[in-house]
Amino acid sequence: MKLIYDVKDKPKFGQLIVFAIQQLLAIMAATLVVPVIVGNGMSSAAALFGAGCGTLVYLAFTKMKSPVFLGSSFAFLGSMAAAFAGAISIQLGYLGLILGTIFAGLVYVIIAIIVKFAGVNWINKLMPAVVIGPTVSIIGLSLATNAIGDLLSGGNKVPEISYVAQLSDAGVWELVEQTNFVPTASPYIALLCGLVTILTVCVSSVYGKKIGKLIPFIIGIGAGYAVATVFTLIGLKTNNPELIVINFAPLTDLFVNGITIKTFLSVPEFTFLTAVKGINDISATYVISILVAYVPVAFVVFAEHIADHKNISSIIEKDLLVEPGLSRTLLGDGVGSMVGAFFGGCPNTTYGESVGCVAITKNASVYTILTAAILAILISFISPFVALVNTIPACVMGGVCMALYGFIAVSGLKMIQKVNLEDNKNLFVVSVILIAGIGGLTLSFGKVTITSIACALILGIIVNIIVNLKKTNTAE
């Protein structure tokens, strides 16, 4: 792949800002939604701040050689829920989020030390192209249902009030009002908005000139949002909920109490500020439960770490496992994750959306990632921007993700172009990985779930070893 901007290339300042915003838009929706899913008052703005800080740490450890953004990890959702489920107070739950990520990060640190002394050749032998290629494809394909689900979702969220039991600071259970949101827009209207988005992205990327070719996602999101706005305004005017695609509440809520400084600027609710209040509630039993909830998942995410870095390596045509080295990428990911959780509560991970953005725009400049990380930190304080992003309807982001996830899948397939699939040994390995991943093979052991990607990779490694035993014995 011929890159327009290579890893060390530095675009002009104005372009750099635009490219960085595009990277942010690619990763922001997923990064912001993790704390929303976990609930318990977690702050999306703090998660964004943590992602920016974690990415800066990652870039430092990888010597500015790996153009990948770190964002909130979905793999740890169950672990994060366990942190709150086993806590006697919300404050202890927040402390559990930080402790758990430290435990998970230490797993990466330990593996990094082993790799530093043992090298990476064993990984290349254990996970050759015939194994890692289809695994990378699975990362994209496993997200396909999410993209299509969003594509058909109106994204307009009408509030419904319900009540949930919650433990107060005084240790008393009480009913707390909770607002739920239900999409109401017609799936056909949503589909139209999403198709406008993806088609605009395609046209901009293929036929765009100069800057237009480099920012297809910004142009696509803008086009999809504009169409969604027109439908929404008509729906509001005619009182037709099937046309209301966008929920403007995140923006209008900024002005509920009039125009104040918080309308424009607000300090995110950092996790460590709440966590420090839970120190007195901590116990050995709780710490062990957090250890059990987080550490096994870290080994699962390690497999995805390898796949992501093999993928970005194929795009920039430089093996990141060799230079700056797997030990450095692991340290960057692990320590970056710790820092991210300290501020935002969410363990971080390398984002496939970021890799997909690099692949499509052919902009691998690490300075774009650096600028995106700095902007993520700054933007987390700017209330209107975070609110505006929260109004982008799911169908528009679904249109964007069709391209992002598709390119991840295609990147994996490109890795096996030179693999001889006429040989049954290779054919069986690829077949097993694809079917296990697409079929959604997962294994659960208590609160620990081995994802379909990890299951597919592990199964692929086992099959690859078995089918090559004869060759190994002959060589001996």
Protein backbone atom coordinates (compact mmCIF):
# COMPACT_ATOMS: atom_id res chain seq x y z
CA MET A 1 0.00 0.00 0.00
CA LYS A 2 1.45 3.36 -1.04
CA LEU A 3 1.02 5.77 1.86
CA ILE A 4 0.36 9.47 1.30
CA TYR A 5 1.91 10.23 4.68
CA ASP A 6 4.40 7.74 6.13
CA VAL A 7 4.86 7.21 9.86
CA LYS A 8 7.48 9.93 10.34
CA ASP A 9 5.93 12.43 7.87
CA LYS A 10 4.55 15.60 9.43
CA PRO A 11 1.60 17.25 7.63
CA LYS A 12 1.15 21.02 7.70
CA PHE A 13 -0.36 22.36 10.93
CA GLY A 14 -3.83 23.08 9.53
CA GLN A 15 -4.04 19.68 7.87
CA LEU A 16 -2.70 18.02 11.00
CA ILE A 17 -5.59 19.38 13.09
CA VAL A 18 -8.17 18.20 10.56
CA PHE A 19 -6.58 14.73 10.29
CA ALA A 20 -6.48 14.47 14.08
CA ILE A 21 -10.17 15.37 14.38
CA GLN A 22 -10.94 12.64 11.85
CA GLN A 23 -9.05 10.10 13.97
CA LEU A 24 -11.00 11.29 17.01
CA LEU A 25 -14.33 10.90 15.24
CA ALA A 26 -13.34 7.37 14.21
CA ILE A 27 -12.61 6.27 17.79
CA MET A 28 -14.71 8.62 19.88
CA ALA A 29 -18.11 6.92 19.71
CA ALA A 30 -16.76 3.61 21.02
CA THR A 31 -14.55 5.31 23.62
CA LEU A 32 -17.44 7.36 24.99
CA VAL A 33 -19.96 4.50 25.06
CA VAL A 34 -17.99 2.11 27.33
CA PRO A 35 -18.53 4.17 30.51
CA VAL A 36 -22.18 4.63 29.51
CA ILE A 37 -22.63 0.84 29.30
CA VAL A 38 -20.94 0.26 32.67
CA GLY A 39 -22.96 3.05 34.29
CA ASN A 40 -22.54 3.88 37.99
CA GLY A 41 -21.99 7.53 37.13
CA MET A 42 -18.83 6.95 35.08
CA SER A 43 -17.84 9.97 33.00
CA SER A 44 -17.51 9.74 29.21
CA ALA A 45 -15.45 12.93 29.18
CA ALA A 46 -13.04 11.41 31.72
CA ALA A 47 -12.76 8.27 29.55
CA LEU A 48 -11.84 10.47 26.58
CA PHE A 49 -9.23 12.28 28.70
CA GLY A 50 -7.84 8.91 29.82
CA ALA A 51 -7.70 7.64 26.23
CA GLY A 52 -5.70 10.71 25.21
CA CYS A 53 -3.25 10.27 28.10
CA GLY A 54 -2.94 6.54 27.48
CA THR A 55 -2.17 7.15 23.81
CA LEU A 56 0.58 9.64 24.72
CA VAL A 57 2.14 7.01 27.00
CA TYR A 58 1.88 4.41 24.23
CA LEU A 59 3.55 6.72 21.70
CA ALA A 60 6.38 7.42 24.15
CA PHE A 61 7.06 3.72 24.79
CA THR A 62 6.92 2.88 21.07
CA LYS A 63 9.35 5.70 20.21
CA MET A 64 6.74 7.40 17.99
CA LYS A 65 6.89 4.49 15.51
CA SER A 66 3.40 3.00 15.84
CA PRO A 67 0.49 5.15 14.53
CA VAL A 68 -2.30 3.71 16.68
CA PHE A 69 -4.77 5.39 19.04
CA LEU A 70 -5.72 3.74 22.33
CA GLY A 71 -9.36 3.84 23.43
CA SER A 72 -11.71 2.29 26.00
CA SER A 73 -11.62 -1.51 25.79
CA PHE A 74 -14.87 -3.46 25.38
CA ALA A 75 -13.10 -6.68 26.42
CA PHE A 76 -13.08 -5.55 30.05
CA LEU A 77 -16.78 -4.68 30.30
CA GLY A 78 -17.50 -7.78 32.38
CA SER A 79 -14.50 -7.09 34.61
CA MET A 80 -15.61 -3.49 35.16
CA ALA A 81 -19.12 -4.62 36.03
CA ALA A 82 -17.61 -7.11 38.52
CA ALA A 83 -15.67 -4.27 40.17
CA PHE A 84 -18.94 -2.55 41.05
CA ALA A 85 -20.89 -5.75 41.76
CA GLY A 86 -18.44 -6.80 44.48
CA ALA A 87 -18.06 -3.35 46.03
CA ILE A 88 -19.85 -2.19 49.18
CA SER A 89 -19.80 1.38 47.91
CA ILE A 90 -19.59 3.23 44.60
CA GLN A 91 -16.29 4.72 45.74
CA LEU A 92 -14.81 1.25 46.25
CA GLY A 93 -16.09 0.25 42.81
CA TYR A 94 -14.14 3.14 41.28
CA LEU A 95 -11.05 2.07 43.22
CA GLY A 96 -11.61 -1.45 41.87
CA LEU A 97 -11.53 -0.10 38.30
CA ILE A 98 -8.07 1.34 38.88
CA LEU A 99 -6.74 -1.70 40.77
CA GLY A 100 -8.05 -4.08 38.12
CA THR A 101 -6.38 -2.18 35.31
CA ILE A 102 -3.11 -2.12 37.25
CA PHE A 103 -3.30 -5.93 37.56
CA ALA A 104 -4.08 -6.28 33.84
CA GLY A 105 -1.31 -3.83 32.93
CA LEU A 106 1.19 -5.80 35.01
CA VAL A 107 0.37 -8.88 32.92
CA TYR A 108 1.52 -6.91 29.87
CA VAL A 109 4.63 -5.73 31.71
CA ILE A 110 5.58 -9.30 32.68
CA ILE A 111 5.04 -10.57 29.13
CA ALA A 112 7.06 -7.62 27.81
CA ILE A 113 9.99 -8.56 30.05
CA ILE A 114 9.82 -12.17 28.82
CA VAL A 115 9.72 -11.00 25.20
CA LYS A 116 12.65 -8.65 25.81
CA PHE A 117 14.87 -11.61 26.72
CA ALA A 118 13.29 -14.36 24.59
CA GLY A 119 12.75 -12.28 21.43
CA VAL A 120 9.75 -12.44 19.07
CA ASN A 121 10.75 -15.31 16.78
CA TRP A 122 8.70 -17.73 18.85
CA ILE A 123 5.63 -15.56 18.29
CA ASN A 124 6.22 -15.48 14.54
CA LYS A 125 6.52 -19.27 14.56
CA LEU A 126 3.48 -19.70 16.78
CA MET A 127 1.40 -17.21 14.80
CA PRO A 128 2.54 -17.16 11.15
CA ALA A 129 0.58 -15.37 8.41
CA VAL A 130 -1.75 -18.35 7.94
CA VAL A 131 -2.88 -17.90 11.57
CA ILE A 132 -2.69 -14.15 12.14
CA GLY A 133 -4.20 -13.14 8.75
CA PRO A 134 -7.64 -14.72 9.21
CA THR A 135 -7.59 -13.64 12.88
CA VAL A 136 -7.20 -10.02 11.85
CA SER A 137 -10.09 -10.52 9.41
CA ILE A 138 -12.20 -11.85 12.27
CA ILE A 139 -11.61 -8.63 14.24
CA GLY A 140 -13.36 -6.73 11.45
CA LEU A 141 -15.97 -9.37 10.63
CA SER A 142 -16.94 -9.86 14.29
CA LEU A 143 -17.92 -6.18 14.38
CA ALA A 144 -20.07 -6.42 11.24
CA THR A 145 -23.31 -7.00 13.14
CA ASN A 146 -22.58 -3.94 15.30
CA ALA A 147 -22.14 -1.78 12.21
CA ILE A 148 -25.34 -3.04 10.56
CA GLY A 149 -27.25 -2.77 13.83
CA ASP A 150 -26.21 0.87 14.11
CA LEU A 151 -26.96 1.44 10.43
CA LEU A 152 -30.61 0.52 11.03
CA SER A 153 -30.89 2.39 14.32
CA GLY A 154 -32.52 5.80 14.25
CA GLY A 155 -30.29 6.97 17.04
CA ASN A 156 -32.95 9.33 18.32
CA LYS A 157 -33.31 8.51 21.98
CA VAL A 158 -36.62 9.25 23.66
CA PRO A 159 -36.31 9.24 27.48
CA GLU A 160 -38.22 6.77 29.62
CA ILE A 161 -38.05 7.10 33.39
CA SER A 162 -37.52 4.05 35.59
CA TYR A 163 -36.19 3.42 39.08
CA VAL A 164 -33.29 1.24 40.22
CA ALA A 165 -32.03 0.26 43.67
CA GLN A 166 -28.69 1.84 44.51
CA LEU A 167 -26.48 1.86 47.59
CA SER A 168 -26.14 5.41 48.96
CA ASP A 169 -22.97 6.87 50.47
CA ALA A 170 -24.48 6.21 53.89
CA GLY A 171 -24.72 2.51 53.08
CA VAL A 172 -28.50 2.52 52.66
CA TRP A 173 -30.29 1.07 49.63
CA GLU A 174 -32.60 3.59 47.98
CA LEU A 175 -34.56 3.96 44.74
CA VAL A 176 -32.88 6.24 42.26
CA GLU A 177 -34.50 7.72 39.17
CA GLN A 178 -32.89 6.47 35.97
CA THR A 179 -33.43 7.68 32.44
CA ASN A 180 -33.48 5.05 29.71
CA PHE A 181 -33.44 5.87 26.00
CA VAL A 182 -35.28 4.10 23.22
CA PRO A 183 -34.68 4.69 19.47
CA THR A 184 -37.90 5.56 17.61
CA ALA A 185 -36.90 6.61 14.08
CA SER A 186 -37.88 4.37 11.17
CA PRO A 187 -35.10 1.91 10.23
CA TYR A 188 -35.61 2.92 6.58
CA ILE A 189 -34.90 6.57 7.39
CA ALA A 190 -31.91 5.49 9.46
CA LEU A 191 -30.67 3.31 6.60
CA LEU A 192 -30.94 6.23 4.18
CA CYS A 193 -28.85 8.46 6.47
CA GLY A 194 -26.27 5.70 6.91
CA LEU A 195 -26.05 5.01 3.17
CA VAL A 196 -25.54 8.71 2.46
CA THR A 197 -22.68 8.60 4.95
CA ILE A 198 -20.90 5.53 3.55
CA LEU A 199 -21.39 6.56 -0.09
CA THR A 200 -20.00 10.01 0.66
CA VAL A 201 -17.00 8.41 2.36
CA CYS A 202 -16.43 6.19 -0.69
CA VAL A 203 -16.75 9.03 -3.21
CA SER A 204 -14.49 11.34 -1.16
CA SER A 205 -11.83 8.65 -0.75
CA VAL A 206 -11.85 7.51 -4.40
CA TYR A 207 -12.54 10.73 -6.31
CA GLY A 208 -11.51 13.37 -3.76
CA LYS A 209 -8.70 15.78 -4.52
CA LYS A 210 -5.94 16.68 -2.07
CA ILE A 211 -7.48 17.28 1.38
CA GLY A 212 -10.82 15.73 0.43
CA LYS A 213 -9.13 12.39 -0.20
CA LEU A 214 -7.53 12.49 3.23
CA ILE A 215 -10.62 13.34 5.30
CA PRO A 216 -13.38 11.14 3.84
CA PHE A 217 -14.80 10.33 7.28
CA ILE A 218 -15.30 13.94 8.30
CA ILE A 219 -17.01 14.66 4.97
CA GLY A 220 -19.12 11.50 5.24
CA ILE A 221 -20.21 12.14 8.81
CA GLY A 222 -21.04 15.74 7.89
CA ALA A 223 -23.20 14.62 4.94
CA GLY A 224 -25.00 11.94 6.96
CA TYR A 225 -25.57 14.32 9.86
CA ALA A 226 -26.97 16.99 7.52
CA VAL A 227 -29.50 14.54 6.02
CA ALA A 228 -30.43 13.28 9.50
CA THR A 229 -30.93 16.88 10.65
CA VAL A 230 -33.34 17.60 7.77
CA PHE A 231 -35.43 14.51 8.61
CA THR A 232 -35.35 15.36 12.31
CA LEU A 233 -36.53 18.94 11.79
CA ILE A 234 -39.37 17.73 9.54
CA GLY A 235 -40.29 15.10 12.13
CA LEU A 236 -40.34 17.65 14.94
CA LYS A 237 -42.40 20.07 12.86
CA THR A 238 -44.96 17.43 11.81
CA ASN A 239 -44.86 15.54 15.12
CA ASN A 240 -43.80 12.38 13.31
CA PRO A 241 -41.42 10.33 15.54
CA GLU A 242 -40.43 8.03 12.66
CA LEU A 243 -38.54 10.92 11.07
CA ILE A 244 -36.74 12.04 14.23
CA VAL A 245 -33.24 10.63 13.82
CA ILE A 246 -31.17 12.94 16.04
CA ASN A 247 -31.52 13.52 19.76
CA PHE A 248 -30.35 17.08 20.40
CA ALA A 249 -30.77 16.71 24.18
CA PRO A 250 -27.01 16.52 24.94
CA LEU A 251 -26.68 20.00 23.38
CA THR A 252 -29.87 21.54 24.73
CA ASP A 253 -29.15 20.23 28.24
CA LEU A 254 -26.12 22.52 28.36
CA PHE A 255 -28.50 25.49 28.50
CA VAL A 256 -31.06 24.10 30.98
CA ASN A 257 -29.68 26.26 33.80
CA GLY A 258 -28.94 29.21 31.56
CA ILE A 259 -25.60 30.13 30.04
CA THR A 260 -22.81 29.62 32.56
CA ILE A 261 -19.13 28.72 32.39
CA LYS A 262 -20.15 25.03 32.56
CA THR A 263 -22.07 25.50 29.32
CA PHE A 264 -18.72 25.75 27.58
CA LEU A 265 -16.11 24.32 29.94
CA SER A 266 -16.28 21.65 32.62
CA VAL A 267 -13.71 19.49 34.38
CA PRO A 268 -14.31 15.76 33.77
CA GLU A 269 -15.19 13.66 36.81
CA PHE A 270 -11.89 11.81 37.06
CA THR A 271 -12.02 8.28 38.43
CA PHE A 272 -9.20 8.69 40.95
CA LEU A 273 -11.03 11.55 42.71
CA THR A 274 -13.89 9.19 43.60
CA ALA A 275 -11.68 6.12 44.05
CA VAL A 276 -9.59 7.70 46.80
CA LYS A 277 -12.73 7.91 48.97
CA GLY A 278 -13.12 4.11 48.82
CA ILE A 279 -9.74 3.23 50.34
CA ASN A 280 -11.22 2.65 53.79
CA ASP A 281 -13.73 0.14 52.36
CA ILE A 282 -11.15 -2.09 50.71
CA SER A 283 -10.57 -5.68 51.82
CA ALA A 284 -8.33 -8.56 50.80
CA THR A 285 -11.35 -10.51 49.54
CA TYR A 286 -12.35 -7.64 47.25
CA VAL A 287 -8.79 -7.26 45.90
CA ILE A 288 -8.66 -10.98 45.07
CA SER A 289 -12.02 -10.78 43.30
CA ILE A 290 -10.71 -7.90 41.19
CA LEU A 291 -7.54 -9.85 40.40
CA VAL A 292 -9.59 -12.83 39.22
CA ALA A 293 -11.89 -10.59 37.13
CA TYR A 294 -9.14 -8.69 35.30
CA VAL A 295 -6.01 -10.84 34.89
CA PRO A 296 -7.47 -13.63 32.69
CA VAL A 297 -8.99 -11.03 30.36
CA ALA A 298 -5.56 -9.41 30.00
CA PHE A 299 -4.24 -12.63 28.43
CA VAL A 300 -7.18 -12.61 26.02
CA VAL A 301 -6.53 -8.99 25.01
CA PHE A 302 -2.83 -9.85 24.55
CA ALA A 303 -3.84 -12.05 21.61
CA GLU A 304 -5.77 -9.14 20.10
CA HIS A 305 -2.77 -6.87 20.73
CA ILE A 306 -0.64 -9.14 18.53
CA ALA A 307 -3.29 -9.20 15.80
CA ASP A 308 -3.74 -5.41 15.81
CA HIS A 309 -0.01 -4.79 15.55
CA LYS A 310 0.43 -7.37 12.80
CA ASN A 311 -2.36 -5.56 10.97
CA ILE A 312 -0.91 -2.06 11.26
CA SER A 313 2.52 -3.52 10.39
CA SER A 314 1.14 -4.81 7.09
CA ILE A 315 -0.32 -1.36 6.35
CA ILE A 316 2.84 0.65 7.03
CA GLU A 317 5.05 -2.20 5.71
CA LYS A 318 7.23 -2.21 8.82
CA ASP A 319 7.15 -5.01 11.40
CA LEU A 320 6.32 -3.29 14.68
CA LEU A 321 6.99 -6.50 16.61
CA VAL A 322 10.63 -6.13 15.57
CA GLU A 323 11.00 -2.33 15.65
CA PRO A 324 10.21 -0.73 18.08
CA GLY A 325 9.60 -4.29 19.29
CA LEU A 326 6.77 -6.24 20.92
CA SER A 327 8.17 -5.52 24.37
CA ARG A 328 7.73 -1.80 23.77
CA THR A 329 4.25 -2.06 22.25
CA LEU A 330 3.17 -4.20 25.21
CA LEU A 331 4.62 -1.76 27.73
CA GLY A 332 2.99 1.13 25.91
CA ASP A 333 -0.36 -0.64 25.84
CA GLY A 334 -0.14 -1.86 29.45
CA VAL A 335 1.14 1.30 31.11
CA GLY A 336 -1.02 3.45 28.84
CA SER A 337 -4.02 1.42 29.95
CA MET A 338 -3.15 2.01 33.62
CA VAL A 339 -2.88 5.75 33.08
CA GLY A 340 -6.12 5.82 31.12
CA ALA A 341 -8.03 3.99 33.85
CA PHE A 342 -6.56 6.24 36.56
CA PHE A 343 -8.34 9.17 34.94
CA GLY A 344 -11.28 7.57 33.12
CA GLY A 345 -11.79 4.18 34.76
CA CYS A 346 -11.62 2.29 31.45
CA PRO A 347 -8.68 0.04 30.50
CA ASN A 348 -7.41 1.08 27.08
CA THR A 349 -6.51 -0.96 24.03
CA THR A 350 -5.31 -0.35 20.49
CA TYR A 351 -8.34 0.53 18.37
CA GLY A 352 -9.23 -1.24 15.15
CA GLU A 353 -11.15 1.89 14.11
CA SER A 354 -7.89 3.84 14.29
CA VAL A 355 -6.09 1.21 12.20
CA GLY A 356 -8.94 1.24 9.67
CA CYS A 357 -8.75 5.03 9.43
CA VAL A 358 -5.02 4.79 8.66
CA ALA A 359 -5.64 2.13 6.01
CA ILE A 360 -8.40 4.02 4.19
CA THR A 361 -6.88 7.51 4.26
CA LYS A 362 -3.31 6.21 3.67
CA ASN A 363 -2.23 8.65 6.37
CA ALA A 364 0.05 6.79 8.78
CA SER A 365 1.65 9.92 10.25
CA VAL A 366 2.28 9.31 13.94
CA TYR A 367 2.00 13.08 14.41
CA THR A 368 -1.67 12.75 13.50
CA ILE A 369 -2.10 10.27 16.36
CA LEU A 370 -0.10 12.51 18.71
CA THR A 371 -2.26 15.52 17.84
CA ALA A 372 -5.44 13.44 18.20
CA ALA A 373 -4.33 12.40 21.70
CA ILE A 374 -3.68 16.00 22.72
CA LEU A 375 -7.02 17.10 21.24
CA ALA A 376 -8.80 14.28 23.13
CA ILE A 377 -7.40 15.66 26.38
CA LEU A 378 -8.36 19.25 25.55
CA ILE A 379 -11.78 18.40 24.11
CA SER A 380 -12.76 16.46 27.25
CA PHE A 381 -13.00 19.87 28.95
CA ILE A 382 -15.10 21.43 26.16
CA SER A 383 -18.72 20.61 26.92
CA PRO A 384 -20.27 21.57 23.53
CA PHE A 385 -17.91 19.34 21.52
CA VAL A 386 -18.50 16.25 23.66
CA ALA A 387 -22.24 17.00 23.54
CA LEU A 388 -22.15 17.45 19.75
CA VAL A 389 -20.43 14.10 19.27
CA ASN A 390 -23.08 12.50 21.48
CA THR A 391 -25.77 13.77 19.08
CA ILE A 392 -24.28 11.97 16.07
CA PRO A 393 -26.92 9.30 15.36
CA ALA A 394 -26.01 5.63 15.43
CA CYS A 395 -26.96 5.18 11.78
CA VAL A 396 -24.39 7.74 10.66
CA MET A 397 -21.63 6.07 12.68
CA GLY A 398 -22.87 2.71 11.36
CA GLY A 399 -22.23 3.94 7.83
CA VAL A 400 -18.69 4.99 8.76
CA CYS A 401 -18.03 1.69 10.56
CA MET A 402 -19.01 -0.33 7.48
CA ALA A 403 -15.84 1.02 5.88
CA LEU A 404 -13.66 0.92 9.00
CA TYR A 405 -14.51 -2.65 9.99
CA GLY A 406 -14.48 -3.81 6.37
CA PHE A 407 -10.96 -2.53 5.86
CA ILE A 408 -9.79 -4.40 8.96
CA ALA A 409 -11.23 -7.61 7.50
CA VAL A 410 -9.61 -6.95 4.12
CA SER A 411 -6.25 -6.18 5.75
CA GLY A 412 -6.30 -9.65 7.28
CA LEU A 413 -7.11 -11.27 3.97
CA LYS A 414 -4.21 -9.44 2.34
CA MET A 415 -1.87 -11.09 4.86
CA ILE A 416 -2.69 -14.53 3.47
CA GLN A 417 -2.35 -13.58 -0.20
CA LYS A 418 0.98 -15.40 -0.39
CA VAL A 419 -0.21 -18.37 1.65
CA ASN A 420 -0.73 -21.50 -0.46
CA LEU A 421 -4.39 -22.35 0.15
CA GLU A 422 -4.09 -25.33 -2.20
CA ASP A 423 -2.24 -27.00 0.66
CA ASN A 424 -4.79 -28.62 2.98
CA LYS A 425 -2.65 -27.78 6.01
CA ASN A 426 -3.13 -24.07 5.41
CA LEU A 427 -6.72 -24.49 4.26
CA PHE A 428 -7.73 -26.20 7.52
CA VAL A 429 -6.09 -23.53 9.67
CA VAL A 430 -7.78 -20.65 7.86
CA SER A 431 -11.12 -22.46 7.75
CA VAL A 432 -11.17 -23.21 11.47
CA ILE A 433 -10.27 -19.62 12.41
CA LEU A 434 -12.86 -18.04 10.12
CA ILE A 435 -15.73 -20.29 11.18
CA ALA A 436 -14.91 -20.11 14.90
CA GLY A 437 -14.67 -16.32 14.73
CA ILE A 438 -17.65 -15.62 12.48
CA GLY A 439 -19.72 -18.24 14.32
CA GLY A 440 -19.05 -16.45 17.58
CA LEU A 441 -17.35 -19.25 19.52
CA THR A 442 -16.87 -17.98 23.08
CA LEU A 443 -16.01 -19.74 26.34
CA SER A 444 -17.00 -18.51 29.78
CA PHE A 445 -15.40 -19.47 33.07
CA GLY A 446 -17.31 -17.70 35.81
CA LYS A 447 -16.94 -13.97 35.22
CA VAL A 448 -14.21 -14.47 32.63
CA THR A 449 -15.20 -14.73 28.97
CA ILE A 450 -12.77 -15.71 26.22
CA THR A 451 -13.89 -13.71 23.20
CA SER A 452 -14.59 -15.22 19.80
CA ILE A 453 -11.42 -13.58 18.44
CA ALA A 454 -9.26 -15.13 21.15
CA CYS A 455 -10.97 -18.53 20.77
CA ALA A 456 -10.45 -18.45 17.01
CA LEU A 457 -6.79 -17.52 17.42
CA ILE A 458 -6.12 -20.21 20.04
CA LEU A 459 -7.90 -22.85 17.96
CA GLY A 460 -5.98 -21.74 14.87
CA ILE A 461 -2.64 -22.03 16.70
CA ILE A 462 -3.52 -25.55 17.90
CA VAL A 463 -4.60 -26.72 14.44
CA ASN A 464 -1.52 -25.17 12.83
CA ILE A 465 0.76 -27.01 15.26
CA ILE A 466 -1.05 -30.33 14.70
CA VAL A 467 -1.04 -30.19 10.89
CA ASN A 468 2.67 -29.34 10.86
CA LEU A 469 3.80 -32.05 13.31
CA LYS A 470 4.87 -34.40 10.51
CA LYS A 471 7.07 -31.73 8.93
CA THR A 472 8.64 -31.01 12.31
CA ASN A 473 9.32 -34.69 13.00
CA THR A 474 10.80 -35.16 9.52
CA ALA A 475 13.11 -32.21 10.10
CA GLU A 476 14.28 -33.79 13.31
